[in-house]
C-alpha atoms as a PDB file:
ATOM      1  CA  MET A   1      49.614  14.295 -88.192  1.00  0.00           C
ATOM      2  CA  LEU A   2      46.413  15.824 -89.512  1.00  0.00           C
ATOM      3  CA  ALA A   3      43.385  15.958 -87.207  1.00  0.00           C
ATOM      4  CA  GLN A   4      41.420  13.422 -89.274  1.00  0.00           C
ATOM      5  CA  GLU A   5      44.332  10.982 -89.309  1.00  0.00           C
ATOM      6  CA  ARG A   6      44.801  11.344 -85.570  1.00  0.00           C
ATOM      7  CA  GLN A   7      41.113  10.800 -84.866  1.00  0.00           C
ATOM      8  CA  ASP A   8      41.032   7.734 -87.112  1.00  0.00           C
ATOM      9  CA  ARG A   9      44.012   6.343 -85.200  1.00  0.00           C
ATOM     10  CA  ILE A  10      42.300   7.015 -81.853  1.00  0.00           C
ATOM     11  CA  ALA A  11      39.149   5.246 -83.031  1.00  0.00           C
ATOM     12  CA  GLN A  12      41.264   2.313 -84.214  1.00  0.00           C
ATOM     13  CA  LEU A  13      43.113   2.017 -80.881  1.00  0.00           C
ATOM     14  CA  VAL A  14      39.890   2.221 -78.875  1.00  0.00           C
ATOM     15  CA  ASP A  15      38.248  -0.422 -81.055  1.00  0.00           C
ATOM     16  CA  GLU A  16      41.252  -2.762 -80.776  1.00  0.00           C
ATOM     17  CA  ARG A  17      41.724  -2.400 -77.021  1.00  0.00           C
ATOM     18  CA  GLY A  18      38.168  -1.823 -75.859  1.00  0.00           C
ATOM     19  CA  SER A  19      39.197   1.277 -73.912  1.00  0.00           C
ATOM     20  CA  VAL A  20      42.095   3.716 -73.929  1.00  0.00           C
ATOM     21  CA  SER A  21      42.998   6.448 -71.454  1.00  0.00           C
ATOM     22  CA  ALA A  22      43.682   9.973 -72.652  1.00  0.00           C
ATOM     23  CA  SER A  23      47.183   9.869 -71.112  1.00  0.00           C
ATOM     24  CA  ILE A  24      48.101   6.817 -73.212  1.00  0.00           C
ATOM     25  CA  LEU A  25      46.814   8.542 -76.347  1.00  0.00           C
ATOM     26  CA  VAL A  26      48.949  11.601 -75.539  1.00  0.00           C
ATOM     27  CA  ASP A  27      52.043   9.395 -75.299  1.00  0.00           C
ATOM     28  CA  GLU A  28      51.338   7.289 -78.376  1.00  0.00           C
ATOM     29  CA  LEU A  29      50.239  10.089 -80.697  1.00  0.00           C
ATOM     30  CA  GLY A  30      52.481  12.892 -79.447  1.00  0.00           C
ATOM     31  CA  ALA A  31      49.563  15.313 -79.117  1.00  0.00           C
ATOM     32  CA  SER A  32      48.691  17.610 -76.224  1.00  0.00           C
ATOM     33  CA  PRO A  33      46.111  16.566 -73.616  1.00  0.00           C
ATOM     34  CA  ALA A  34      43.801  19.339 -74.800  1.00  0.00           C
ATOM     35  CA  THR A  35      44.018  18.105 -78.401  1.00  0.00           C
ATOM     36  CA  ILE A  36      43.265  14.516 -77.384  1.00  0.00           C
ATOM     37  CA  ARG A  37      40.272  15.655 -75.333  1.00  0.00           C
ATOM     38  CA  ARG A  38      38.908  17.567 -78.337  1.00  0.00           C
ATOM     39  CA  ASP A  39      39.472  14.544 -80.581  1.00  0.00           C
ATOM     40  CA  ILE A  40      37.593  12.283 -78.172  1.00  0.00           C
ATOM     41  CA  ASP A  41      34.742  14.811 -78.023  1.00  0.00           C
ATOM     42  CA  THR A  42      34.593  14.834 -81.835  1.00  0.00           C
ATOM     43  CA  LEU A  43      34.623  11.039 -82.076  1.00  0.00           C
ATOM     44  CA  ALA A  44      31.994  10.668 -79.365  1.00  0.00           C
ATOM     45  CA  HIS A  45      29.737  13.205 -81.087  1.00  0.00           C
ATOM     46  CA  ALA A  46      30.140  11.225 -84.320  1.00  0.00           C
ATOM     47  CA  GLY A  47      29.163   8.014 -82.533  1.00  0.00           C
ATOM     48  CA  ARG A  48      32.523   6.314 -83.104  1.00  0.00           C
ATOM     49  CA  VAL A  49      33.567   5.947 -79.418  1.00  0.00           C
ATOM     50  CA  ILE A  50      32.040   6.402 -75.981  1.00  0.00           C
ATOM     51  CA  LYS A  51      33.573   9.237 -73.986  1.00  0.00           C
ATOM     52  CA  VAL A  52      34.293   8.362 -70.342  1.00  0.00           C
ATOM     53  CA  HIS A  53      36.167  10.122 -67.560  1.00  0.00           C
ATOM     54  CA  GLY A  54      39.862   9.994 -68.486  1.00  0.00           C
ATOM     55  CA  GLY A  55      39.533   8.503 -71.961  1.00  0.00           C
ATOM     56  CA  ALA A  56      37.223   6.581 -74.295  1.00  0.00           C
ATOM     57  CA  THR A  57      35.714   3.111 -74.637  1.00  0.00           C
ATOM     58  CA  ALA A  58      34.586   1.182 -77.700  1.00  0.00           C
ATOM     59  CA  LEU A  59      30.934   1.029 -78.636  1.00  0.00           C
ATOM     60  CA  HIS A  60      30.988  -2.751 -78.447  1.00  0.00           C
ATOM     61  CA  SER A  61      32.444  -2.669 -74.921  1.00  0.00           C
ATOM     62  CA  VAL A  62      29.067  -1.819 -73.363  1.00  0.00           C
ATOM     63  CA  VAL A  63      26.792  -4.755 -72.525  1.00  0.00           C
ATOM     64  CA  TYR A  64      23.113  -4.200 -71.779  1.00  0.00           C
ATOM     65  CA  GLU A  65      21.297  -6.313 -69.192  1.00  0.00           C
ATOM     66  CA  THR A  66      17.572  -5.665 -69.148  1.00  0.00           C
ATOM     67  CA  SER A  67      16.301  -8.321 -66.730  1.00  0.00           C
ATOM     68  CA  ASP A  68      17.309  -9.934 -63.457  1.00  0.00           C
ATOM     69  CA  ARG A  69      18.549 -13.486 -63.301  1.00  0.00           C
ATOM     70  CA  ALA A  70      17.110 -15.758 -60.632  1.00  0.00           C
ATOM     71  CA  MET A  71      19.355 -16.234 -57.614  1.00  0.00           C
ATOM     72  CA  ASP A  72      19.882 -19.925 -58.460  1.00  0.00           C
ATOM     73  CA  GLU A  73      21.414 -18.772 -61.759  1.00  0.00           C
ATOM     74  CA  LYS A  74      23.702 -16.254 -60.054  1.00  0.00           C
ATOM     75  CA  TYR A  75      25.166 -18.460 -57.343  1.00  0.00           C
ATOM     76  CA  PRO A  76      27.410 -20.582 -59.647  1.00  0.00           C
ATOM     77  CA  LEU A  77      28.825 -17.540 -61.487  1.00  0.00           C
ATOM     78  CA  TYR A  78      32.225 -15.959 -60.646  1.00  0.00           C
ATOM     79  CA  ILE A  79      32.469 -17.898 -57.401  1.00  0.00           C
ATOM     80  CA  ASP A  80      36.163 -17.183 -56.763  1.00  0.00           C
ATOM     81  CA  GLU A  81      35.778 -13.472 -57.489  1.00  0.00           C
ATOM     82  CA  LYS A  82      32.720 -13.135 -55.259  1.00  0.00           C
ATOM     83  CA  ASP A  83      34.489 -14.999 -52.470  1.00  0.00           C
ATOM     84  CA  ALA A  84      37.533 -12.693 -52.649  1.00  0.00           C
ATOM     85  CA  ILE A  85      35.358  -9.556 -52.719  1.00  0.00           C
ATOM     86  CA  ALA A  86      33.225 -10.744 -49.809  1.00  0.00           C
ATOM     87  CA  ALA A  87      36.209 -11.763 -47.694  1.00  0.00           C
ATOM     88  CA  HIS A  88      37.729  -8.296 -48.066  1.00  0.00           C
ATOM     89  CA  ALA A  89      34.421  -6.523 -47.431  1.00  0.00           C
ATOM     90  CA  ALA A  90      33.847  -8.502 -44.227  1.00  0.00           C
ATOM     91  CA  THR A  91      37.059  -7.101 -42.728  1.00  0.00           C
ATOM     92  CA  LEU A  92      35.649  -3.566 -43.040  1.00  0.00           C
ATOM     93  CA  ILE A  93      32.856  -4.176 -40.517  1.00  0.00           C
ATOM     94  CA  GLU A  94      33.772  -3.279 -36.937  1.00  0.00           C
ATOM     95  CA  PRO A  95      32.148  -3.680 -33.511  1.00  0.00           C
ATOM     96  CA  GLY A  96      29.397  -1.119 -33.049  1.00  0.00           C
ATOM     97  CA  ASP A  97      28.771  -0.582 -36.763  1.00  0.00           C
ATOM     98  CA  PHE A  98      25.174  -0.208 -37.934  1.00  0.00           C
ATOM     99  CA  VAL A  99      25.340  -1.933 -41.305  1.00  0.00           C
ATOM    100  CA  TYR A 100      23.024  -2.117 -44.313  1.00  0.00           C
ATOM    101  CA  ILE A 101      23.348  -5.215 -46.509  1.00  0.00           C
ATOM    102  CA  ASP A 102      21.670  -5.226 -49.907  1.00  0.00           C
ATOM    103  CA  ALA A 103      20.153  -8.311 -51.530  1.00  0.00           C
ATOM    104  CA  GLY A 104      22.382 -10.235 -53.934  1.00  0.00           C
ATOM    105  CA  SER A 105      24.635 -13.259 -54.325  1.00  0.00           C
ATOM    106  CA  THR A 106      27.848 -11.367 -53.490  1.00  0.00           C
ATOM    107  CA  THR A 107      26.377  -9.617 -50.458  1.00  0.00           C
ATOM    108  CA  GLU A 108      25.123 -12.985 -49.222  1.00  0.00           C
ATOM    109  CA  THR A 109      28.690 -14.274 -49.536  1.00  0.00           C
ATOM    110  CA  LEU A 110      29.805 -11.315 -47.433  1.00  0.00           C
ATOM    111  CA  VAL A 111      27.599 -12.600 -44.605  1.00  0.00           C
ATOM    112  CA  ASP A 112      29.284 -16.006 -44.900  1.00  0.00           C
ATOM    113  CA  HIS A 113      32.652 -14.339 -44.249  1.00  0.00           C
ATOM    114  CA  LEU A 114      31.660 -12.328 -41.182  1.00  0.00           C
ATOM    115  CA  GLY A 115      33.866 -13.143 -38.219  1.00  0.00           C
ATOM    116  CA  PRO A 116      35.094 -11.733 -34.889  1.00  0.00           C
ATOM    117  CA  SER A 117      35.766  -8.253 -36.334  1.00  0.00           C
ATOM    118  CA  ALA A 118      31.985  -7.797 -36.779  1.00  0.00           C
ATOM    119  CA  ALA A 119      31.112  -8.765 -33.201  1.00  0.00           C
ATOM    120  CA  GLY A 120      28.622  -6.279 -31.761  1.00  0.00           C
ATOM    121  CA  ALA A 121      27.583  -4.907 -35.154  1.00  0.00           C
ATOM    122  CA  THR A 122      23.882  -4.564 -35.977  1.00  0.00           C
ATOM    123  CA  PHE A 123      22.615  -5.383 -39.452  1.00  0.00           C
ATOM    124  CA  VAL A 124      19.660  -4.210 -41.522  1.00  0.00           C
ATOM    125  CA  THR A 125      18.873  -6.002 -44.779  1.00  0.00           C
ATOM    126  CA  ASN A 126      16.175  -6.354 -47.424  1.00  0.00           C
ATOM    127  CA  SER A 127      17.401  -9.872 -48.248  1.00  0.00           C
ATOM    128  CA  ILE A 128      15.481 -12.833 -46.851  1.00  0.00           C
ATOM    129  CA  VAL A 129      18.479 -15.151 -47.283  1.00  0.00           C
ATOM    130  CA  ALA A 130      21.003 -12.727 -45.784  1.00  0.00           C
ATOM    131  CA  ALA A 131      18.749 -12.143 -42.770  1.00  0.00           C
ATOM    132  CA  ARG A 132      18.465 -15.870 -42.120  1.00  0.00           C
ATOM    133  CA  LYS A 133      22.252 -16.289 -42.319  1.00  0.00           C
ATOM    134  CA  LEU A 134      22.873 -13.305 -40.028  1.00  0.00           C
ATOM    135  CA  VAL A 135      20.496 -14.586 -37.365  1.00  0.00           C
ATOM    136  CA  ARG A 136      22.011 -18.063 -37.474  1.00  0.00           C
ATOM    137  CA  LYS A 137      25.447 -16.514 -36.914  1.00  0.00           C
ATOM    138  CA  GLY A 138      24.143 -14.698 -33.847  1.00  0.00           C
ATOM    139  CA  TYR A 139      24.064 -11.114 -35.133  1.00  0.00           C
ATOM    140  CA  ARG A 140      21.350  -8.635 -34.213  1.00  0.00           C
ATOM    141  CA  THR A 141      19.352  -8.373 -37.416  1.00  0.00           C
ATOM    142  CA  LEU A 142      16.562  -6.070 -38.608  1.00  0.00           C
ATOM    143  CA  MET A 143      14.587  -6.363 -41.843  1.00  0.00           C
ATOM    144  CA  THR A 144      13.153  -3.561 -43.928  1.00  0.00           C
ATOM    145  CA  GLY A 145       9.710  -5.013 -44.541  1.00  0.00           C
ATOM    146  CA  GLY A 146       8.063  -4.707 -47.948  1.00  0.00           C
ATOM    147  CA  GLU A 147       6.980  -6.890 -50.862  1.00  0.00           C
ATOM    148  CA  LEU A 148       9.093  -9.951 -51.639  1.00  0.00           C
ATOM    149  CA  LYS A 149      10.534  -9.908 -55.154  1.00  0.00           C
ATOM    150  CA  MET A 150      10.940 -13.564 -56.078  1.00  0.00           C
ATOM    151  CA  SER A 151      13.770 -13.364 -58.655  1.00  0.00           C
ATOM    152  CA  THR A 152      16.234 -11.675 -56.286  1.00  0.00           C
ATOM    153  CA  GLU A 153      14.553 -12.639 -52.983  1.00  0.00           C
ATOM    154  CA  ALA A 154      14.644  -8.955 -52.026  1.00  0.00           C
ATOM    155  CA  LEU A 155      12.092  -6.874 -50.148  1.00  0.00           C
ATOM    156  CA  VAL A 156      11.058  -3.828 -52.184  1.00  0.00           C
ATOM    157  CA  GLY A 157       8.306  -1.218 -52.409  1.00  0.00           C
ATOM    158  CA  PRO A 158       7.023   1.641 -50.212  1.00  0.00           C
ATOM    159  CA  GLU A 159       7.197  -0.345 -46.977  1.00  0.00           C
ATOM    160  CA  ALA A 160      10.829  -1.259 -47.582  1.00  0.00           C
ATOM    161  CA  ILE A 161      11.691   2.370 -48.274  1.00  0.00           C
ATOM    162  CA  ALA A 162       9.776   3.581 -45.213  1.00  0.00           C
ATOM    163  CA  GLY A 163      11.681   1.104 -43.057  1.00  0.00           C
ATOM    164  CA  ILE A 164      15.045   2.252 -44.403  1.00  0.00           C
ATOM    165  CA  GLU A 165      14.224   5.939 -43.969  1.00  0.00           C
ATOM    166  CA  ARG A 166      14.128   5.475 -40.199  1.00  0.00           C
ATOM    167  CA  TYR A 167      17.813   4.620 -40.059  1.00  0.00           C
ATOM    168  CA  HIS A 168      21.270   6.120 -40.516  1.00  0.00           C
ATOM    169  CA  PHE A 169      23.881   3.485 -41.317  1.00  0.00           C
ATOM    170  CA  THR A 170      27.587   3.702 -40.585  1.00  0.00           C
ATOM    171  CA  LYS A 171      28.433   1.360 -43.484  1.00  0.00           C
ATOM    172  CA  GLY A 172      26.571  -0.349 -46.287  1.00  0.00           C
ATOM    173  CA  PHE A 173      27.244  -2.965 -48.951  1.00  0.00           C
ATOM    174  CA  TRP A 174      25.396  -3.245 -52.271  1.00  0.00           C
ATOM    175  CA  GLY A 175      25.341  -5.465 -55.302  1.00  0.00           C
ATOM    176  CA  THR A 176      24.895  -4.101 -58.809  1.00  0.00           C
ATOM    177  CA  ASN A 177      23.979  -5.469 -62.226  1.00  0.00           C
ATOM    178  CA  GLY A 178      26.056  -2.895 -64.060  1.00  0.00           C
ATOM    179  CA  ALA A 179      28.815  -0.380 -63.409  1.00  0.00           C
ATOM    180  CA  THR A 180      29.997   2.250 -65.894  1.00  0.00           C
ATOM    181  CA  LEU A 181      31.552   5.677 -65.508  1.00  0.00           C
ATOM    182  CA  GLU A 182      28.802   7.357 -67.514  1.00  0.00           C
ATOM    183  CA  GLN A 183      25.654   5.570 -66.292  1.00  0.00           C
ATOM    184  CA  GLY A 184      26.911   4.712 -62.799  1.00  0.00           C
ATOM    185  CA  PHE A 185      25.543   1.699 -60.910  1.00  0.00           C
ATOM    186  CA  THR A 186      22.486   0.212 -62.572  1.00  0.00           C
ATOM    187  CA  THR A 187      19.873  -2.487 -62.022  1.00  0.00           C
ATOM    188  CA  PRO A 188      16.945  -3.720 -64.159  1.00  0.00           C
ATOM    189  CA  ASP A 189      14.083  -3.114 -61.719  1.00  0.00           C
ATOM    190  CA  ILE A 190      12.950   0.370 -60.691  1.00  0.00           C
ATOM    191  CA  ASN A 191      11.561  -0.833 -57.348  1.00  0.00           C
ATOM    192  CA  GLU A 192      14.847  -2.444 -56.393  1.00  0.00           C
ATOM    193  CA  ALA A 193      16.731   0.613 -57.662  1.00  0.00           C
ATOM    194  CA  GLN A 194      14.723   2.870 -55.338  1.00  0.00           C
ATOM    195  CA  VAL A 195      15.562   0.719 -52.318  1.00  0.00           C
ATOM    196  CA  LYS A 196      19.250   0.749 -53.262  1.00  0.00           C
ATOM    197  CA  ARG A 197      19.257   4.519 -53.823  1.00  0.00           C
ATOM    198  CA  ILE A 198      17.510   5.429 -50.565  1.00  0.00           C
ATOM    199  CA  SER A 199      19.667   3.086 -48.489  1.00  0.00           C
ATOM    200  CA  MET A 200      22.855   4.492 -50.044  1.00  0.00           C
ATOM    201  CA  GLU A 201      21.745   8.045 -49.339  1.00  0.00           C
ATOM    202  CA  ARG A 202      21.408   7.165 -45.643  1.00  0.00           C
ATOM    203  CA  THR A 203      24.828   5.535 -45.286  1.00  0.00           C
ATOM    204  CA  GLY A 204      28.144   7.026 -44.223  1.00  0.00           C
ATOM    205  CA  LYS A 205      30.633   4.658 -45.906  1.00  0.00           C
ATOM    206  CA  ARG A 206      29.260   3.026 -49.052  1.00  0.00           C
ATOM    207  CA  TYR A 207      30.704  -0.071 -50.753  1.00  0.00           C
ATOM    208  CA  VAL A 208      29.559  -1.654 -54.010  1.00  0.00           C
ATOM    209  CA  LEU A 209      30.664  -5.264 -54.531  1.00  0.00           C
ATOM    210  CA  ALA A 210      31.305  -6.032 -58.206  1.00  0.00           C
ATOM    211  CA  ASP A 211      33.079  -8.828 -60.043  1.00  0.00           C
ATOM    212  CA  ALA A 212      34.681  -7.949 -63.386  1.00  0.00           C
ATOM    213  CA  SER A 213      31.592  -8.911 -65.412  1.00  0.00           C
ATOM    214  CA  LYS A 214      29.674  -5.944 -63.969  1.00  0.00           C
ATOM    215  CA  PHE A 215      32.025  -3.325 -65.422  1.00  0.00           C
ATOM    216  CA  GLY A 216      30.927  -2.051 -68.816  1.00  0.00           C
ATOM    217  CA  THR A 217      27.418  -3.449 -68.274  1.00  0.00           C
ATOM    218  CA  VAL A 218      24.382  -1.165 -68.246  1.00  0.00           C
ATOM    219  CA  ALA A 219      20.963  -2.061 -66.824  1.00  0.00           C
ATOM    220  CA  PRO A 220      17.874   0.150 -67.304  1.00  0.00           C
ATOM    221  CA  VAL A 221      17.821   2.051 -63.975  1.00  0.00           C
ATOM    222  CA  THR A 222      20.653   4.015 -62.339  1.00  0.00           C
ATOM    223  CA  PHE A 223      20.645   3.968 -58.543  1.00  0.00           C
ATOM    224  CA  ALA A 224      23.931   5.823 -57.847  1.00  0.00           C
ATOM    225  CA  ASP A 225      26.794   7.638 -59.552  1.00  0.00           C
ATOM    226  CA  PHE A 226      29.986   5.631 -60.057  1.00  0.00           C
ATOM    227  CA  ALA A 227      32.013   7.930 -57.806  1.00  0.00           C
ATOM    228  CA  SER A 228      29.498   7.790 -54.937  1.00  0.00           C
ATOM    229  CA  ALA A 229      30.854   4.559 -53.413  1.00  0.00           C
ATOM    230  CA  THR A 230      34.028   2.565 -52.996  1.00  0.00           C
ATOM    231  CA  VAL A 231      33.935  -0.352 -55.427  1.00  0.00           C
ATOM    232  CA  ILE A 232      35.443  -3.626 -54.224  1.00  0.00           C
ATOM    233  CA  ALA A 233      36.265  -5.577 -57.384  1.00  0.00           C
ATOM    234  CA  SER A 234      37.926  -8.794 -58.494  1.00  0.00           C
ATOM    235  CA  GLY A 235      38.654 -10.546 -61.775  1.00  0.00           C
ATOM    236  CA  GLU A 236      39.880  -9.141 -65.073  1.00  0.00           C
ATOM    237  CA  VAL A 237      38.711  -5.567 -64.500  1.00  0.00           C
ATOM    238  CA  ASP A 238      39.073  -3.281 -67.519  1.00  0.00           C
ATOM    239  CA  VAL A 239      41.971  -0.844 -67.242  1.00  0.00           C
ATOM    240  CA  VAL A 240      39.614   2.145 -67.457  1.00  0.00           C
ATOM    241  CA  TYR A 241      37.972   1.107 -64.185  1.00  0.00           C
ATOM    242  CA  ARG A 242      41.138  -0.224 -62.574  1.00  0.00           C
ATOM    243  CA  LYS A 243      42.584   3.288 -62.648  1.00  0.00           C
ATOM    244  CA  GLN A 244      39.615   4.903 -60.898  1.00  0.00           C
ATOM    245  CA  PRO A 245      40.521   6.150 -57.392  1.00  0.00           C
ATOM    246  CA  ASN A 246      37.433   4.588 -55.796  1.00  0.00           C
ATOM    247  CA  VAL A 247      38.067   1.054 -57.151  1.00  0.00           C
ATOM    248  CA  VAL A 248      39.788  -1.420 -54.811  1.00  0.00           C
ATOM    249  CA  GLU A 249      40.892  -4.634 -56.526  1.00  0.00           C
ATOM    250  CA  VAL A 250      41.377  -7.863 -54.587  1.00  0.00           C
ATOM    251  CA  PRO A 251      42.910 -11.027 -56.084  1.00  0.00           C
ATOM    252  CA  ALA A 252      40.589 -13.983 -56.665  1.00  0.00           C
END
């Protein structure tokens, strides 16, 4: 098969399937891994596919989200997936942990699932709603301080960052608007992104909670690389992300 024919076939497969791994292309086209990598580079340079770690995705597979939805809009979405993610995440918190919890509908659901395994843990959060739930459940709870952002009910700004910089967390849990291999974890607001980034940098074990709709979505501001955290996911996660070593899928 000539190079042009092979590249056209790769572009066709990527467009049909949304994403294809390099190993699958090697098997289907009978070419060497090095040849497939070069073909993907050529196609990406020509703007026909998006090159990602381990393969390629279609141009149409990326969704852009440029603004935050209000929390009341988020709560009814992907309820089963969020519940499964949160239930699994809650089991990771142990007595004595010093835990950061980010603002978001899935991280709030995590608080709902906290049980005996989290007894004795201390929590820090920039979420007004999560803090209220934690206190009502009897957990020692600290807040970051800062300016209240109404759409996500999160505390942001210099005071929030200054509060976080005092601490070193054993574990932390974050929401995200988007998750891609190239752009990493993204969110629409730079102030919220800064709080997420600083809190992640000060945490030992980092977990991002993401239902399937977040994969392949890009928001304006990156707050962490994709490989920098374990991703707890649920739903119909694209095969490109399902194969990543840091993605843990849980059934909804």
